[in-house]
Amino acid sequence: MSTETSGKRRRAWLVTAGVCALAVVAGVTVATNTNVLGPRDLCDGWFSGEDAGNSLDGFGRVTGSIDNLGGCTVEQSGWLPGTTDAKIRLSATSVTPAHPFSRSEWKASGAQNILPGGLPGAFDAYGNGWVALPSGCGPVGAAWAKGDHTILSVAIKQGDADPAELARLTRAAAFELAADHDCAPADSSTRNASADLIQASAPARSDPATVCGLDGFSLGAEAPAARPLREQTSGSRDDAWFCDLSLYQPATGLPRDDDREPFARLAVIRNPELLPAAKERRFDHAVCGGKETYFATEIADYVYSPDTPEEKAAATLVKASDVQNRFTAAARKALACD
């Protein structure tokens, strides 16, 4: 064999070896930094790896594991530049019949993005939140029992997420969890219904005569008196609608200029899945346009603001007991209730 022929074979072998090595490196890179070769379904089939990846910012390999409490942790990681480490945890929790309108703290309000429909939920601006399983599910897969039905909560443990996509992911998981326990909605349209969040408005000054956008809803003794009021709304009056009221301190003309937590949370509840909780709290009830409707209120009696007699005088708001009455009257008129 000539020296020239031997050299050609050696070069060909080196090229082949190099190509194989690159293929191996490429395969390892794809396997460890993307979800192309990752598991198709995560968390016992609650959702796909692709959907989980879409809910997490950046890119990387997505994995999921069920823990001994029945929750699922989803992680995204990789070592290439641009990959992003992220972690979320979904957990089923049994809740009291009054959820999300418990007396200690509402778990849905005007400051949250609201998920309407047959599997309702609420999420903060970052994507943390919950989706309710159908009321007939009971304490499904919950680590401990507090009440008679279950929510699926999602919490961001590391990194960032797309709030809208994370809500869709949680809703899909809630449906699959319900289906696994034979308590999914019988109406197939629920599964295919839109999972779009209704975004909360930005906090804004209230119109003195149209607080929360309700004509005739005023909380001041005189029209200018509502000037310190600030509101934030979310949801839909056809499903579940919320308004948080707080005071904008600089508008009172007093030295204190920090903002306070809402002194009132108001809601119109018409979503069938949320009606039992509203009934449990014994909120005002009516039939409006043929739909069962509750007018939910949680008034802090101005515990947070205003605090002092001087602040109350500057705000000149009506007494706390009148907030509920005025809200309910305005909402009944707006919805043409019987």
Foldseek 3Di string as FASTA:
>chain_A
DDPVVVVVVVVVVVVVVVVVVVVVVVVVQCQWFAQPVPAQAALVRLHGQVLVQQFAPWGGHWHKDADPLRKMKIWGDHDDPGGDTWIKIKAKAADALLPQPDQVHHQAALQWWWFFDPFIWTAHPQQWIKTFAFQVQFRQSGSDHDYGGIIMTMDIPDHGTDNQSSQVSRVSSSQVSCVVRVRHDPPPVRNVDDRGIWHKDDKDQAQQQQGVNQHRQHFAPDRCLSRQKIKMKTDDLQAKIKMFIWGQPVQLVDPDGDTWGGQKIKMKHQHPRNVSSLVVVVADWFQFPNTTIGIDMRGNQQVTPDPDPSRCVSSRTHGRVVNSVSVVVRVCVVRVTD
